[in-house]
C-alpha atoms as a PDB file:
ATOM      1  CA  MET A   1     -20.183 -13.824  19.655  1.00  0.00           C
ATOM      2  CA  GLU A   2     -22.704 -12.676  17.045  1.00  0.00           C
ATOM      3  CA  ILE A   3     -21.708 -12.351  13.395  1.00  0.00           C
ATOM      4  CA  TYR A   4     -21.713  -8.548  13.530  1.00  0.00           C
ATOM      5  CA  GLU A   5     -19.372  -8.689  16.546  1.00  0.00           C
ATOM      6  CA  LYS A   6     -17.064 -11.076  14.705  1.00  0.00           C
ATOM      7  CA  ILE A   7     -16.868  -8.788  11.689  1.00  0.00           C
ATOM      8  CA  ARG A   8     -16.087  -5.792  13.902  1.00  0.00           C
ATOM      9  CA  TRP A   9     -13.534  -7.860  15.855  1.00  0.00           C
ATOM     10  CA  LEU A  10     -11.823  -8.903  12.618  1.00  0.00           C
ATOM     11  CA  ARG A  11     -11.673  -5.332  11.300  1.00  0.00           C
ATOM     12  CA  LEU A  12     -10.240  -4.032  14.567  1.00  0.00           C
ATOM     13  CA  LYS A  13      -7.718  -6.889  14.786  1.00  0.00           C
ATOM     14  CA  LEU A  14      -6.512  -5.953  11.318  1.00  0.00           C
ATOM     15  CA  ASN A  15      -6.336  -2.321  12.429  1.00  0.00           C
ATOM     16  CA  LEU A  16      -8.419  -1.183   9.445  1.00  0.00           C
ATOM     17  CA  SER A  17     -10.833   1.699   9.214  1.00  0.00           C
ATOM     18  CA  GLN A  18     -14.381   0.868   8.153  1.00  0.00           C
ATOM     19  CA  LYS A  19     -13.663   2.541   4.803  1.00  0.00           C
ATOM     20  CA  VAL A  20     -10.522   0.516   4.038  1.00  0.00           C
ATOM     21  CA  PHE A  21     -12.130  -2.685   5.312  1.00  0.00           C
ATOM     22  CA  ALA A  22     -15.202  -2.075   3.125  1.00  0.00           C
ATOM     23  CA  GLU A  23     -13.105  -1.305   0.038  1.00  0.00           C
ATOM     24  CA  SER A  24     -11.127  -4.506   0.526  1.00  0.00           C
ATOM     25  CA  ILE A  25     -14.325  -6.538   0.022  1.00  0.00           C
ATOM     26  CA  ASP A  26     -15.951  -4.246  -2.556  1.00  0.00           C
ATOM     27  CA  THR A  27     -18.655  -2.741  -0.390  1.00  0.00           C
ATOM     28  CA  SER A  28     -19.343   0.632   1.196  1.00  0.00           C
ATOM     29  CA  ARG A  29     -18.343   1.975   4.583  1.00  0.00           C
ATOM     30  CA  SER A  30     -22.003   2.534   5.457  1.00  0.00           C
ATOM     31  CA  VAL A  31     -22.781  -1.164   4.870  1.00  0.00           C
ATOM     32  CA  ILE A  32     -19.949  -2.165   7.216  1.00  0.00           C
ATOM     33  CA  SER A  33     -21.166   0.369   9.770  1.00  0.00           C
ATOM     34  CA  GLN A  34     -24.716  -1.040   9.612  1.00  0.00           C
ATOM     35  CA  ILE A  35     -23.417  -4.603   9.967  1.00  0.00           C
ATOM     36  CA  GLU A  36     -21.154  -3.751  12.906  1.00  0.00           C
ATOM     37  CA  ILE A  37     -24.035  -2.291  14.911  1.00  0.00           C
ATOM     38  CA  GLY A  38     -26.293  -5.229  14.078  1.00  0.00           C
ATOM     39  CA  LYS A  39     -28.769  -3.327  11.885  1.00  0.00           C
ATOM     40  CA  LEU A  40     -27.855  -5.287   8.757  1.00  0.00           C
ATOM     41  CA  LYS A  41     -26.895  -8.927   8.284  1.00  0.00           C
ATOM     42  CA  PRO A  42     -24.009  -9.672   5.932  1.00  0.00           C
ATOM     43  CA  SER A  43     -24.829 -11.578   2.764  1.00  0.00           C
ATOM     44  CA  ILE A  44     -23.364 -15.009   2.081  1.00  0.00           C
ATOM     45  CA  GLU A  45     -21.340 -13.393  -0.711  1.00  0.00           C
ATOM     46  CA  MET A  46     -19.835 -10.968   1.805  1.00  0.00           C
ATOM     47  CA  ILE A  47     -18.959 -13.797   4.194  1.00  0.00           C
ATOM     48  CA  ILE A  48     -17.261 -15.642   1.338  1.00  0.00           C
ATOM     49  CA  LYS A  49     -15.296 -12.499   0.405  1.00  0.00           C
ATOM     50  CA  LEU A  50     -14.253 -11.969   4.027  1.00  0.00           C
ATOM     51  CA  SER A  51     -13.186 -15.598   4.362  1.00  0.00           C
ATOM     52  CA  LYS A  52     -11.119 -15.552   1.195  1.00  0.00           C
ATOM     53  CA  LYS A  53      -9.648 -12.085   1.654  1.00  0.00           C
ATOM     54  CA  PHE A  54      -8.514 -12.596   5.238  1.00  0.00           C
ATOM     55  CA  GLN A  55      -8.053 -16.403   5.179  1.00  0.00           C
ATOM     56  CA  ILE A  56     -10.638 -16.970   7.906  1.00  0.00           C
ATOM     57  CA  PRO A  57     -12.779 -20.163   7.853  1.00  0.00           C
ATOM     58  CA  TYR A  58     -16.436 -19.621   6.893  1.00  0.00           C
ATOM     59  CA  SER A  59     -17.411 -21.376  10.095  1.00  0.00           C
ATOM     60  CA  PHE A  60     -15.919 -18.535  12.131  1.00  0.00           C
ATOM     61  CA  PHE A  61     -18.670 -16.262  10.848  1.00  0.00           C
ATOM     62  CA  LEU A  62     -21.484 -18.809  10.717  1.00  0.00           C
ATOM     63  CA  GLU A  63     -21.099 -20.893  13.883  1.00  0.00           C
ATOM     64  CA  ALA A  64     -22.038 -19.229  17.158  1.00  0.00           C
ATOM     65  CA  ASP A  65     -19.450 -21.089  19.223  1.00  0.00           C
ATOM     66  CA  PHE A  66     -16.527 -20.893  16.778  1.00  0.00           C
ATOM     67  CA  GLN A  67     -13.735 -18.749  18.237  1.00  0.00           C
ATOM     68  CA  LEU A  68     -10.474 -17.575  16.767  1.00  0.00           C
ATOM     69  CA  SER A  69      -7.479 -16.912  18.933  1.00  0.00           C
ATOM     70  CA  ASP A  70      -6.548 -13.307  19.541  1.00  0.00           C
ATOM     71  CA  THR A  71      -3.921 -13.563  16.848  1.00  0.00           C
ATOM     72  CA  LEU A  72      -4.781 -13.982  13.201  1.00  0.00           C
ATOM     73  CA  PRO A  73      -2.928 -16.474  11.019  1.00  0.00           C
ATOM     74  CA  ASN A  74       0.261 -15.187   9.441  1.00  0.00           C
ATOM     75  CA  GLN A  75      -0.947 -13.667   6.195  1.00  0.00           C
ATOM     76  CA  LYS A  76      -0.222 -10.879   3.814  1.00  0.00           C
ATOM     77  CA  GLN A  77      -2.493  -8.019   4.738  1.00  0.00           C
ATOM     78  CA  ASP A  78      -3.439  -5.024   2.628  1.00  0.00           C
ATOM     79  CA  ILE A  79      -2.405  -2.636   5.349  1.00  0.00           C
ATOM     80  CA  CYS A  80      -0.299  -2.803   8.477  1.00  0.00           C
ATOM     81  CA  SER A  81       0.165  -0.742  11.574  1.00  0.00           C
ATOM     82  CA  LEU A  82       3.682   0.585  11.223  1.00  0.00           C
ATOM     83  CA  GLU A  83       3.870   1.514  14.905  1.00  0.00           C
ATOM     84  CA  ASN A  84       3.609  -2.119  15.996  1.00  0.00           C
ATOM     85  CA  LYS A  85       5.520  -3.861  13.224  1.00  0.00           C
ATOM     86  CA  PRO A  86       8.993  -3.482  11.770  1.00  0.00           C
ATOM     87  CA  TYR A  87       9.106  -1.407   8.618  1.00  0.00           C
ATOM     88  CA  PRO A  88       9.044  -2.555   5.935  1.00  0.00           C
ATOM     89  CA  ASN A  89       6.891  -5.452   7.026  1.00  0.00           C
ATOM     90  CA  PRO A  90       7.427  -8.419   4.644  1.00  0.00           C
ATOM     91  CA  ASN A  91       3.888  -9.676   5.389  1.00  0.00           C
ATOM     92  CA  CYS A  92       2.231  -6.476   4.254  1.00  0.00           C
ATOM     93  CA  ILE A  93       1.204  -5.959   0.631  1.00  0.00           C
ATOM     94  CA  GLN A  94       1.230  -2.197   1.125  1.00  0.00           C
ATOM     95  CA  CYS A  95       4.853  -2.331   2.325  1.00  0.00           C
ATOM     96  CA  GLU A  96       5.768  -4.661  -0.544  1.00  0.00           C
ATOM     97  CA  ASN A  97       4.298  -2.146  -2.979  1.00  0.00           C
ATOM     98  CA  LEU A  98       6.246   0.687  -1.336  1.00  0.00           C
ATOM     99  CA  ILE A  99       9.441  -1.339  -1.646  1.00  0.00           C
ATOM    100  CA  LYS A 100       8.727  -1.940  -5.351  1.00  0.00           C
ATOM    101  CA  ILE A 101       7.947   1.754  -5.891  1.00  0.00           C
ATOM    102  CA  ASN A 102      11.141   2.777  -4.075  1.00  0.00           C
ATOM    103  CA  GLN A 103      13.155   0.344  -6.210  1.00  0.00           C
ATOM    104  CA  ALA A 104      11.551   1.691  -9.394  1.00  0.00           C
ATOM    105  CA  GLN A 105      12.325   5.256  -8.284  1.00  0.00           C
ATOM    106  CA  GLU A 106      15.906   4.260  -7.519  1.00  0.00           C
ATOM    107  CA  ASN A 107      16.213   2.752 -11.022  1.00  0.00           C
ATOM    108  CA  VAL A 108      14.921   6.011 -12.550  1.00  0.00           C
ATOM    109  CA  ILE A 109      17.366   8.039 -10.440  1.00  0.00           C
ATOM    110  CA  GLN A 110      20.290   5.844 -11.549  1.00  0.00           C
ATOM    111  CA  SER A 111      19.223   6.198 -15.177  1.00  0.00           C
ATOM    112  CA  LEU A 112      18.981   9.990 -14.813  1.00  0.00           C
ATOM    113  CA  LYS A 113      22.430  10.118 -13.196  1.00  0.00           C
ATOM    114  CA  LYS A 114      23.890   8.230 -16.165  1.00  0.00           C
ATOM    115  CA  THR A 115      22.146  10.601 -18.591  1.00  0.00           C
ATOM    116  CA  ILE A 116      23.419  13.651 -16.698  1.00  0.00           C
ATOM    117  CA  ALA A 117      26.958  12.239 -16.627  1.00  0.00           C
ATOM    118  CA  ALA A 118      26.834  11.681 -20.400  1.00  0.00           C
ATOM    119  CA  GLN A 119      25.527  15.217 -20.953  1.00  0.00           C
ATOM    120  CA  GLU A 120      28.267  16.650 -18.733  1.00  0.00           C
ATOM    121  CA  LYS A 121      30.866  14.854 -20.863  1.00  0.00           C
ATOM    122  CA  LEU A 122      29.319  16.352 -24.003  1.00  0.00           C
ATOM    123  CA  ILE A 123      29.290  19.838 -22.479  1.00  0.00           C
ATOM    124  CA  HIS A 124      32.944  19.469 -21.503  1.00  0.00           C
ATOM    125  CA  LEU A 125      33.770  18.387 -25.053  1.00  0.00           C
ATOM    126  CA  TYR A 126      31.926  21.348 -26.564  1.00  0.00           C
ATOM    127  CA  GLU A 127      33.512  23.787 -24.124  1.00  0.00           C
ATOM    128  CA  SER A 128      36.994  22.587 -24.979  1.00  0.00           C
ATOM    129  CA  LYS A 129      36.375  23.242 -28.689  1.00  0.00           C
ATOM    130  CA  LEU A 130      34.609  26.599 -28.351  1.00  0.00           C
ATOM    131  CA  ILE A 131      36.437  29.752 -29.209  1.00  0.00           C
ATOM    132  CA  PHE A 132      35.677  32.499 -26.776  1.00  0.00           C
ATOM    133  CA  ILE A 133      35.438  36.031 -28.103  1.00  0.00           C
ATOM    134  CA  PRO A 134      36.595  38.640 -25.628  1.00  0.00           C
ATOM    135  CA  GLU A 135      33.842  40.942 -24.403  1.00  0.00           C
ATOM    136  CA  SER A 136      35.747  44.032 -25.540  1.00  0.00           C
ATOM    137  CA  ILE A 137      35.543  42.901 -29.168  1.00  0.00           C
ATOM    138  CA  LEU A 138      31.791  42.344 -28.884  1.00  0.00           C
ATOM    139  CA  LYS A 139      31.304  45.888 -27.497  1.00  0.00           C
ATOM    140  CA  ASP A 140      33.003  47.469 -30.487  1.00  0.00           C
ATOM    141  CA  GLN A 141      30.434  46.048 -32.892  1.00  0.00           C
END
């Protein structure tokens, strides 16, 4: 497998679009597109980024006969395919972030509920001490 085929294989195995894949290694979608069709060779820096980001040995990209199995090592990925994996997926950074956001939102909601409950108590207190003037008296003035 040629290096451009390996990069495309990796991206597809991770179920990432060219745009998301490119952003994950700080490059553009057009560069990834050019590499995947064999018009551009990836730089050594890009190979290093790919290796580190996706925990793939450098030799996978550089050696012609190096093959990975069809399954990637268990790793935290930036994105997951929710159709094929349980949600939330504990090995997915995106899912982890959603869980943290949901927890933060839940904390805000609980805080707001406490504030509303306190305000309702104050309103009840004020209402019990208010003197209501009958409407008929107000009309006479």
